[in-house]
Amino acid sequence: YVLTGFPFKVDDRIQAIESLVNNIENQLVD
């Protein structure tokens, strides 16, 4: 949704999502 949507600070928003995904996959966060 972010990649194809409104082009406001897309890189920052994607980075926040990917960081959370990485933490979940690597069991760094409950």
Full PDB file with SEQRES, HELIX, SHEET, SSBOND, CRYST1, ORIGX, SCALE, CONECT and MASTER records, all heavy atoms in Angstrom:
SEQRES   1 A   30  TYR VAL LEU THR GLY PHE PRO PHE LYS VAL ASP ASP ARG          
SEQRES   2 A   30  ILE GLN ALA ILE GLU SER LEU VAL ASN ASN ILE GLU ASN          
SEQRES   3 A   30  GLN LEU VAL ASP                                              
HELIX    1 AA1 VAL A   10  GLU A   25  1                                  16    
CRYST1    1.000    1.000    1.000  90.00  90.00  90.00 P 1           1          
ORIGX1      1.000000  0.000000  0.000000        0.00000                         
ORIGX2      0.000000  1.000000  0.000000        0.00000                         
ORIGX3      0.000000  0.000000  1.000000        0.00000                         
SCALE1      1.000000  0.000000  0.000000        0.00000                         
SCALE2      0.000000  1.000000  0.000000        0.00000                         
SCALE3      0.000000  0.000000  1.000000        0.00000                         
ATOM      1  N   TYR A   1       0.838  -1.206   0.000  1.00  0.00           N  
ATOM      2  CA  TYR A   1       0.000   0.000   0.000  1.00  0.00           C  
ATOM      3  C   TYR A   1       0.873   1.257   0.000  1.00  0.00           C  
ATOM      4  O   TYR A   1       0.597   2.219  -0.736  1.00  0.00           O  
ATOM      5  CB  TYR A   1      -0.907  -0.014   1.235  1.00  0.00           C  
ATOM      6  CG  TYR A   1      -1.576   1.302   1.539  1.00  0.00           C  
ATOM      7  CD1 TYR A   1      -2.750   1.675   0.890  1.00  0.00           C  
ATOM      8  CD2 TYR A   1      -1.020   2.178   2.479  1.00  0.00           C  
ATOM      9  CE1 TYR A   1      -3.357   2.904   1.174  1.00  0.00           C  
ATOM     10  CE2 TYR A   1      -1.626   3.398   2.766  1.00  0.00           C  
ATOM     11  CZ  TYR A   1      -2.788   3.753   2.115  1.00  0.00           C  
ATOM     12  OH  TYR A   1      -3.382   4.958   2.392  1.00  0.00           O  
ATOM     13  N   VAL A   2       1.931   1.265   0.799  1.00  0.00           N  
ATOM     14  CA  VAL A   2       2.815   2.428   0.880  1.00  0.00           C  
ATOM     15  C   VAL A   2       3.592   2.605  -0.423  1.00  0.00           C  
ATOM     16  O   VAL A   2       3.735   3.727  -0.935  1.00  0.00           O  
ATOM     17  CB  VAL A   2       3.784   2.299   2.072  1.00  0.00           C  
ATOM     18  CG1 VAL A   2       4.817   3.424   2.058  1.00  0.00           C  
ATOM     19  CG2 VAL A   2       3.021   2.311   3.382  1.00  0.00           C  
ATOM     20  N   LEU A   3       4.074   1.502  -0.994  1.00  0.00           N  
ATOM     21  CA  LEU A   3       4.870   1.578  -2.221  1.00  0.00           C  
ATOM     22  C   LEU A   3       4.087   2.138  -3.399  1.00  0.00           C  
ATOM     23  O   LEU A   3       4.639   2.836  -4.257  1.00  0.00           O  
ATOM     24  CB  LEU A   3       5.414   0.187  -2.580  1.00  0.00           C  
ATOM     25  CG  LEU A   3       6.575  -0.336  -1.727  1.00  0.00           C  
ATOM     26  CD1 LEU A   3       6.859  -1.793  -2.052  1.00  0.00           C  
ATOM     27  CD2 LEU A   3       7.825   0.517  -1.941  1.00  0.00           C  
ATOM     28  N   THR A   4       2.811   1.831  -3.473  1.00  0.00           N  
ATOM     29  CA  THR A   4       2.000   2.257  -4.612  1.00  0.00           C  
ATOM     30  C   THR A   4       1.135   3.478  -4.307  1.00  0.00           C  
ATOM     31  O   THR A   4       0.419   3.963  -5.183  1.00  0.00           O  
ATOM     32  CB  THR A   4       1.083   1.107  -5.075  1.00  0.00           C  
ATOM     33  OG1 THR A   4       0.250   0.696  -3.981  1.00  0.00           O  
ATOM     34  CG2 THR A   4       1.906  -0.075  -5.550  1.00  0.00           C  
ATOM     35  N   GLY A   5       1.191   3.949  -3.065  1.00  0.00           N  
ATOM     36  CA  GLY A   5       0.303   5.031  -2.661  1.00  0.00           C  
ATOM     37  C   GLY A   5       0.940   6.398  -2.673  1.00  0.00           C  
ATOM     38  O   GLY A   5       1.918   6.657  -3.380  1.00  0.00           O  
ATOM     39  N   PHE A   6       0.389   7.269  -1.893  1.00  0.00           N  
ATOM     40  CA  PHE A   6       0.791   8.670  -1.830  1.00  0.00           C  
ATOM     41  C   PHE A   6       2.295   8.793  -1.581  1.00  0.00           C  
ATOM     42  O   PHE A   6       2.831   8.215  -0.625  1.00  0.00           O  
ATOM     43  CB  PHE A   6       0.008   9.337  -0.691  1.00  0.00           C  
ATOM     44  CG  PHE A   6       0.101  10.823  -0.656  1.00  0.00           C  
ATOM     45  CD1 PHE A   6      -0.444  11.609  -1.667  1.00  0.00           C  
ATOM     46  CD2 PHE A   6       0.709  11.463   0.422  1.00  0.00           C  
ATOM     47  CE1 PHE A   6      -0.381  12.988  -1.609  1.00  0.00           C  
ATOM     48  CE2 PHE A   6       0.774  12.841   0.482  1.00  0.00           C  
ATOM     49  CZ  PHE A   6       0.234  13.608  -0.536  1.00  0.00           C  
ATOM     50  N   PRO A   7       3.014   9.580  -2.415  1.00  0.00           N  
ATOM     51  CA  PRO A   7       4.485   9.588  -2.372  1.00  0.00           C  
ATOM     52  C   PRO A   7       5.085  10.508  -1.313  1.00  0.00           C  
ATOM     53  O   PRO A   7       5.950  11.338  -1.609  1.00  0.00           O  
ATOM     54  CB  PRO A   7       4.849  10.064  -3.787  1.00  0.00           C  
ATOM     55  CG  PRO A   7       3.758  11.010  -4.135  1.00  0.00           C  
ATOM     56  CD  PRO A   7       2.510  10.418  -3.520  1.00  0.00           C  
ATOM     57  N   PHE A   8       4.646  10.328  -0.081  1.00  0.00           N  
ATOM     58  CA  PHE A   8       5.172  11.161   1.002  1.00  0.00           C  
ATOM     59  C   PHE A   8       6.098  10.331   1.881  1.00  0.00           C  
ATOM     60  O   PHE A   8       5.675   9.350   2.495  1.00  0.00           O  
ATOM     61  CB  PHE A   8       4.017  11.718   1.842  1.00  0.00           C  
ATOM     62  CG  PHE A   8       4.473  12.450   3.084  1.00  0.00           C  
ATOM     63  CD1 PHE A   8       5.098  13.674   2.985  1.00  0.00           C  
ATOM     64  CD2 PHE A   8       4.272  11.896   4.340  1.00  0.00           C  
ATOM     65  CE1 PHE A   8       5.527  14.350   4.119  1.00  0.00           C  
ATOM     66  CE2 PHE A   8       4.692  12.565   5.485  1.00  0.00           C  
ATOM     67  CZ  PHE A   8       5.321  13.789   5.371  1.00  0.00           C  
ATOM     68  N   LYS A   9       7.386  10.715   1.897  1.00  0.00           N  
ATOM     69  CA  LYS A   9       8.389  10.038   2.728  1.00  0.00           C  
ATOM     70  C   LYS A   9       8.262   8.513   2.628  1.00  0.00           C  
ATOM     71  O   LYS A   9       8.261   7.790   3.632  1.00  0.00           O  
ATOM     72  CB  LYS A   9       8.248  10.481   4.191  1.00  0.00           C  
ATOM     73  CG  LYS A   9       8.650  11.934   4.435  1.00  0.00           C  
ATOM     74  CD  LYS A   9       8.609  12.278   5.908  1.00  0.00           C  
ATOM     75  CE  LYS A   9       9.133  13.671   6.193  1.00  0.00           C  
ATOM     76  NZ  LYS A   9      10.578  13.814   5.963  1.00  0.00           N  
ATOM     77  N   VAL A  10       8.171   8.033   1.414  1.00  0.00           N  
ATOM     78  CA  VAL A  10       7.969   6.596   1.186  1.00  0.00           C  
ATOM     79  C   VAL A  10       9.120   5.787   1.766  1.00  0.00           C  
ATOM     80  O   VAL A  10       8.900   4.749   2.404  1.00  0.00           O  
ATOM     81  CB  VAL A  10       7.802   6.311  -0.321  1.00  0.00           C  
ATOM     82  CG1 VAL A  10       7.754   4.811  -0.578  1.00  0.00           C  
ATOM     83  CG2 VAL A  10       6.521   6.965  -0.839  1.00  0.00           C  
ATOM     84  N   ASP A  11      10.346   6.241   1.549  1.00  0.00           N  
ATOM     85  CA  ASP A  11      11.511   5.480   2.034  1.00  0.00           C  
ATOM     86  C   ASP A  11      11.475   5.322   3.559  1.00  0.00           C  
ATOM     87  O   ASP A  11      11.762   4.240   4.087  1.00  0.00           O  
ATOM     88  CB  ASP A  11      12.811   6.186   1.623  1.00  0.00           C  
ATOM     89  CG  ASP A  11      13.046   6.126   0.115  1.00  0.00           C  
ATOM     90  OD1 ASP A  11      12.405   5.288  -0.547  1.00  0.00           O  
ATOM     91  OD2 ASP A  11      13.846   6.949  -0.387  1.00  0.00           O  
ATOM     92  N   ASP A  12      11.123   6.403   4.262  1.00  0.00           N  
ATOM     93  CA  ASP A  12      11.067   6.344   5.721  1.00  0.00           C  
ATOM     94  C   ASP A  12       9.966   5.392   6.190  1.00  0.00           C  
ATOM     95  O   ASP A  12      10.159   4.622   7.147  1.00  0.00           O  
ATOM     96  CB  ASP A  12      10.821   7.736   6.302  1.00  0.00           C  
ATOM     97  CG  ASP A  12      11.984   8.681   6.061  1.00  0.00           C  
ATOM     98  OD1 ASP A  12      13.080   8.197   5.741  1.00  0.00           O  
ATOM     99  OD2 ASP A  12      11.789   9.910   6.198  1.00  0.00           O  
ATOM    100  N   ARG A  13       8.821   5.450   5.528  1.00  0.00           N  
ATOM    101  CA  ARG A  13       7.703   4.592   5.933  1.00  0.00           C  
ATOM    102  C   ARG A  13       8.000   3.123   5.638  1.00  0.00           C  
ATOM    103  O   ARG A  13       7.697   2.240   6.448  1.00  0.00           O  
ATOM    104  CB  ARG A  13       6.419   5.039   5.217  1.00  0.00           C  
ATOM    105  CG  ARG A  13       5.903   6.386   5.724  1.00  0.00           C  
ATOM    106  CD  ARG A  13       5.128   7.142   4.664  1.00  0.00           C  
ATOM    107  NE  ARG A  13       3.870   6.497   4.328  1.00  0.00           N  
ATOM    108  CZ  ARG A  13       3.218   6.730   3.184  1.00  0.00           C  
ATOM    109  NH1 ARG A  13       3.720   7.551   2.278  1.00  0.00           N  
ATOM    110  NH2 ARG A  13       2.063   6.126   2.961  1.00  0.00           N  
ATOM    111  N   ILE A  14       8.634   2.870   4.502  1.00  0.00           N  
ATOM    112  CA  ILE A  14       8.998   1.488   4.159  1.00  0.00           C  
ATOM    113  C   ILE A  14      10.052   0.966   5.129  1.00  0.00           C  
ATOM    114  O   ILE A  14      10.019  -0.194   5.559  1.00  0.00           O  
ATOM    115  CB  ILE A  14       9.515   1.410   2.704  1.00  0.00           C  
ATOM    116  CG1 ILE A  14       8.362   1.661   1.722  1.00  0.00           C  
ATOM    117  CG2 ILE A  14      10.151   0.054   2.430  1.00  0.00           C  
ATOM    118  CD1 ILE A  14       7.259   0.633   1.773  1.00  0.00           C  
ATOM    119  N   GLN A  15      11.004   1.825   5.478  1.00  0.00           N  
ATOM    120  CA  GLN A  15      12.054   1.413   6.419  1.00  0.00           C  
ATOM    121  C   GLN A  15      11.455   1.012   7.758  1.00  0.00           C  
ATOM    122  O   GLN A  15      11.894   0.020   8.376  1.00  0.00           O  
ATOM    123  CB  GLN A  15      13.054   2.546   6.598  1.00  0.00           C  
ATOM    124  CG  GLN A  15      14.233   2.175   7.496  1.00  0.00           C  
ATOM    125  CD  GLN A  15      15.239   3.310   7.636  1.00  0.00           C  
ATOM    126  OE1 GLN A  15      15.059   4.387   7.069  1.00  0.00           O  
ATOM    127  NE2 GLN A  15      16.296   3.068   8.398  1.00  0.00           N  
ATOM    128  N   ALA A  16      10.453   1.744   8.227  1.00  0.00           N  
ATOM    129  CA  ALA A  16       9.810   1.407   9.500  1.00  0.00           C  
ATOM    130  C   ALA A  16       9.119   0.046   9.420  1.00  0.00           C  
ATOM    131  O   ALA A  16       9.181  -0.755  10.357  1.00  0.00           O  
ATOM    132  CB  ALA A  16       8.802   2.493   9.867  1.00  0.00           C  
ATOM    133  N   ILE A  17       8.470  -0.230   8.289  1.00  0.00           N  
ATOM    134  CA  ILE A  17       7.791  -1.520   8.111  1.00  0.00           C  
ATOM    135  C   ILE A  17       8.806  -2.656   8.061  1.00  0.00           C  
ATOM    136  O   ILE A  17       8.656  -3.687   8.729  1.00  0.00           O  
ATOM    137  CB  ILE A  17       6.934  -1.507   6.835  1.00  0.00           C  
ATOM    138  CG1 ILE A  17       5.813  -0.473   6.940  1.00  0.00           C  
ATOM    139  CG2 ILE A  17       6.339  -2.896   6.573  1.00  0.00           C  
ATOM    140  CD1 ILE A  17       5.069  -0.235   5.644  1.00  0.00           C  
ATOM    141  N   GLU A  18       9.858  -2.467   7.245  1.00  0.00           N  
ATOM    142  CA  GLU A  18      10.862  -3.530   7.089  1.00  0.00           C  
ATOM    143  C   GLU A  18      11.606  -3.804   8.393  1.00  0.00           C  
ATOM    144  O   GLU A  18      11.985  -4.956   8.669  1.00  0.00           O  
ATOM    145  CB  GLU A  18      11.842  -3.150   5.978  1.00  0.00           C  
ATOM    146  CG  GLU A  18      11.202  -3.183   4.582  1.00  0.00           C  
ATOM    147  CD  GLU A  18      12.174  -2.791   3.491  1.00  0.00           C  
ATOM    148  OE1 GLU A  18      13.222  -2.180   3.829  1.00  0.00           O  
ATOM    149  OE2 GLU A  18      11.901  -3.082   2.317  1.00  0.00           O  
ATOM    150  N   SER A  19      11.822  -2.753   9.172  1.00  0.00           N  
ATOM    151  CA  SER A  19      12.485  -2.941  10.467  1.00  0.00           C  
ATOM    152  C   SER A  19      11.632  -3.807  11.381  1.00  0.00           C  
ATOM    153  O   SER A  19      12.147  -4.714  12.063  1.00  0.00           O  
ATOM    154  CB  SER A  19      12.748  -1.579  11.103  1.00  0.00           C  
ATOM    155  OG  SER A  19      13.300  -1.730  12.394  1.00  0.00           O  
ATOM    156  N   LEU A  20      10.321  -3.557  11.393  1.00  0.00           N  
ATOM    157  CA  LEU A  20       9.423  -4.351  12.230  1.00  0.00           C  
ATOM    158  C   LEU A  20       9.354  -5.787  11.725  1.00  0.00           C  
ATOM    159  O   LEU A  20       9.383  -6.744  12.526  1.00  0.00           O  
ATOM    160  CB  LEU A  20       8.028  -3.724  12.236  1.00  0.00           C  
ATOM    161  CG  LEU A  20       6.966  -4.453  13.064  1.00  0.00           C  
ATOM    162  CD1 LEU A  20       7.433  -4.629  14.518  1.00  0.00           C  
ATOM    163  CD2 LEU A  20       5.638  -3.690  13.018  1.00  0.00           C  
ATOM    164  N   VAL A  21       9.298  -5.970  10.406  1.00  0.00           N  
ATOM    165  CA  VAL A  21       9.266  -7.316   9.830  1.00  0.00           C  
ATOM    166  C   VAL A  21      10.530  -8.078  10.206  1.00  0.00           C  
ATOM    167  O   VAL A  21      10.480  -9.255  10.584  1.00  0.00           O  
ATOM    168  CB  VAL A  21       9.111  -7.249   8.292  1.00  0.00           C  
ATOM    169  CG1 VAL A  21       9.364  -8.616   7.666  1.00  0.00           C  
ATOM    170  CG2 VAL A  21       7.723  -6.751   7.919  1.00  0.00           C  
ATOM    171  N   ASN A  22      11.671  -7.401  10.109  1.00  0.00           N  
ATOM    172  CA  ASN A  22      12.948  -8.040  10.450  1.00  0.00           C  
ATOM    173  C   ASN A  22      12.978  -8.465  11.921  1.00  0.00           C  
ATOM    174  O   ASN A  22      13.445  -9.575  12.257  1.00  0.00           O  
ATOM    175  CB  ASN A  22      14.093  -7.069  10.165  1.00  0.00           C  
ATOM    176  CG  ASN A  22      15.449  -7.653  10.487  1.00  0.00           C  
ATOM    177  OD1 ASN A  22      15.923  -8.572   9.827  1.00  0.00           O  
ATOM    178  ND2 ASN A  22      16.087  -7.113  11.528  1.00  0.00           N  
ATOM    179  N   ASN A  23      12.461  -7.618  12.782  1.00  0.00           N  
ATOM    180  CA  ASN A  23      12.433  -7.958  14.212  1.00  0.00           C  
ATOM    181  C   ASN A  23      11.525  -9.155  14.490  1.00  0.00           C  
ATOM    182  O   ASN A  23      11.825  -9.991  15.349  1.00  0.00           O  
ATOM    183  CB  ASN A  23      11.972  -6.751  15.027  1.00  0.00           C  
ATOM    184  CG  ASN A  23      13.012  -5.647  15.072  1.00  0.00           C  
ATOM    185  OD1 ASN A  23      14.207  -5.897  14.843  1.00  0.00           O  
ATOM    186  ND2 ASN A  23      12.579  -4.441  15.366  1.00  0.00           N  
ATOM    187  N   ILE A  24      10.408  -9.230  13.766  1.00  0.00           N  
ATOM    188  CA  ILE A  24       9.482 -10.351  13.960  1.00  0.00           C  
ATOM    189  C   ILE A  24      10.112 -11.650  13.460  1.00  0.00           C  
ATOM    190  O   ILE A  24      10.081 -12.687  14.138  1.00  0.00           O  
ATOM    191  CB  ILE A  24       8.150 -10.078  13.218  1.00  0.00           C  
ATOM    192  CG1 ILE A  24       7.421  -8.890  13.847  1.00  0.00           C  
ATOM    193  CG2 ILE A  24       7.250 -11.320  13.249  1.00  0.00           C  
ATOM    194  CD1 ILE A  24       6.224  -8.413  13.049  1.00  0.00           C  
ATOM    195  N   GLU A  25      10.692 -11.598  12.255  1.00  0.00           N  
ATOM    196  CA  GLU A  25      11.258 -12.806  11.651  1.00  0.00           C  
ATOM    197  C   GLU A  25      12.444 -13.330  12.462  1.00  0.00           C  
ATOM    198  O   GLU A  25      12.668 -14.550  12.530  1.00  0.00           O  
ATOM    199  CB  GLU A  25      11.684 -12.510  10.211  1.00  0.00           C  
ATOM    200  CG  GLU A  25      10.504 -12.298   9.262  1.00  0.00           C  
ATOM    201  CD  GLU A  25      10.942 -11.969   7.856  1.00  0.00           C  
ATOM    202  OE1 GLU A  25      12.097 -11.474   7.692  1.00  0.00           O  
ATOM    203  OE2 GLU A  25      10.149 -12.172   6.922  1.00  0.00           O  
ATOM    204  N   ASN A  26      13.194 -12.426  13.047  1.00  0.00           N  
ATOM    205  CA  ASN A  26      14.374 -12.831  13.823  1.00  0.00           C  
ATOM    206  C   ASN A  26      14.086 -12.944  15.322  1.00  0.00           C  
ATOM    207  O   ASN A  26      15.019 -13.042  16.121  1.00  0.00           O  
ATOM    208  CB  ASN A  26      15.522 -11.846  13.582  1.00  0.00           C  
ATOM    209  CG  ASN A  26      16.054 -11.913  12.157  1.00  0.00           C  
ATOM    210  OD1 ASN A  26      16.695 -12.890  11.768  1.00  0.00           O  
ATOM    211  ND2 ASN A  26      15.773 -10.880  11.392  1.00  0.00           N  
ATOM    212  N   GLN A  27      12.785 -12.895  15.659  1.00  0.00           N  
ATOM    213  CA  GLN A  27      12.334 -13.063  17.041  1.00  0.00           C  
ATOM    214  C   GLN A  27      12.998 -12.077  17.997  1.00  0.00           C  
ATOM    215  O   GLN A  27      13.337 -12.395  19.126  1.00  0.00           O  
ATOM    216  CB  GLN A  27      12.586 -14.510  17.497  1.00  0.00           C  
ATOM    217  CG  GLN A  27      11.836 -15.536  16.664  1.00  0.00           C  
ATOM    218  CD  GLN A  27      12.083 -16.962  17.131  1.00  0.00           C  
ATOM    219  OE1 GLN A  27      12.968 -17.214  17.963  1.00  0.00           O  
ATOM    220  NE2 GLN A  27      11.294 -17.897  16.614  1.00  0.00           N  
ATOM    221  N   LEU A  28      13.179 -10.844  17.484  1.00  0.00           N  
ATOM    222  CA  LEU A  28      13.761  -9.795  18.307  1.00  0.00           C  
ATOM    223  C   LEU A  28      12.689  -9.020  19.073  1.00  0.00           C  
ATOM    224  O   LEU A  28      13.016  -8.170  19.907  1.00  0.00           O  
ATOM    225  CB  LEU A  28      14.570  -8.824  17.430  1.00  0.00           C  
ATOM    226  CG  LEU A  28      15.752  -9.447  16.669  1.00  0.00           C  
ATOM    227  CD1 LEU A  28      16.407  -8.405  15.780  1.00  0.00           C  
ATOM    228  CD2 LEU A  28      16.756 -10.048  17.656  1.00  0.00           C  
ATOM    229  N   VAL A  29      11.429  -9.295  18.756  1.00  0.00           N  
ATOM    230  CA  VAL A  29      10.323  -8.632  19.431  1.00  0.00           C  
ATOM    231  C   VAL A  29       9.206  -9.648  19.644  1.00  0.00           C  
ATOM    232  O   VAL A  29       8.983 -10.523  18.808  1.00  0.00           O  
ATOM    233  CB  VAL A  29       9.814  -7.424  18.613  1.00  0.00           C  
ATOM    234  CG1 VAL A  29       9.289  -7.850  17.251  1.00  0.00           C  
ATOM    235  CG2 VAL A  29       8.745  -6.654  19.377  1.00  0.00           C  
ATOM    236  N   ASP A  30       8.559  -9.543  20.765  1.00  0.00           N  
ATOM    237  CA  ASP A  30       7.438 -10.427  21.044  1.00  0.00           C  
ATOM    238  C   ASP A  30       6.301 -10.122  20.061  1.00  0.00           C  
ATOM    239  O   ASP A  30       5.997  -8.950  19.813  1.00  0.00           O  
ATOM    240  CB  ASP A  30       6.958 -10.196  22.482  1.00  0.00           C  
ATOM    241  CG  ASP A  30       5.784 -11.099  22.825  1.00  0.00           C  
ATOM    242  OD1 ASP A  30       6.022 -12.277  23.135  1.00  0.00           O  
ATOM    243  OD2 ASP A  30       4.628 -10.599  22.751  1.00  0.00           O  
TER     244      ASP A  30                                                      
MASTER        0    0    0    1    0    0    0    6  243    1    0    3          
END                                                                             
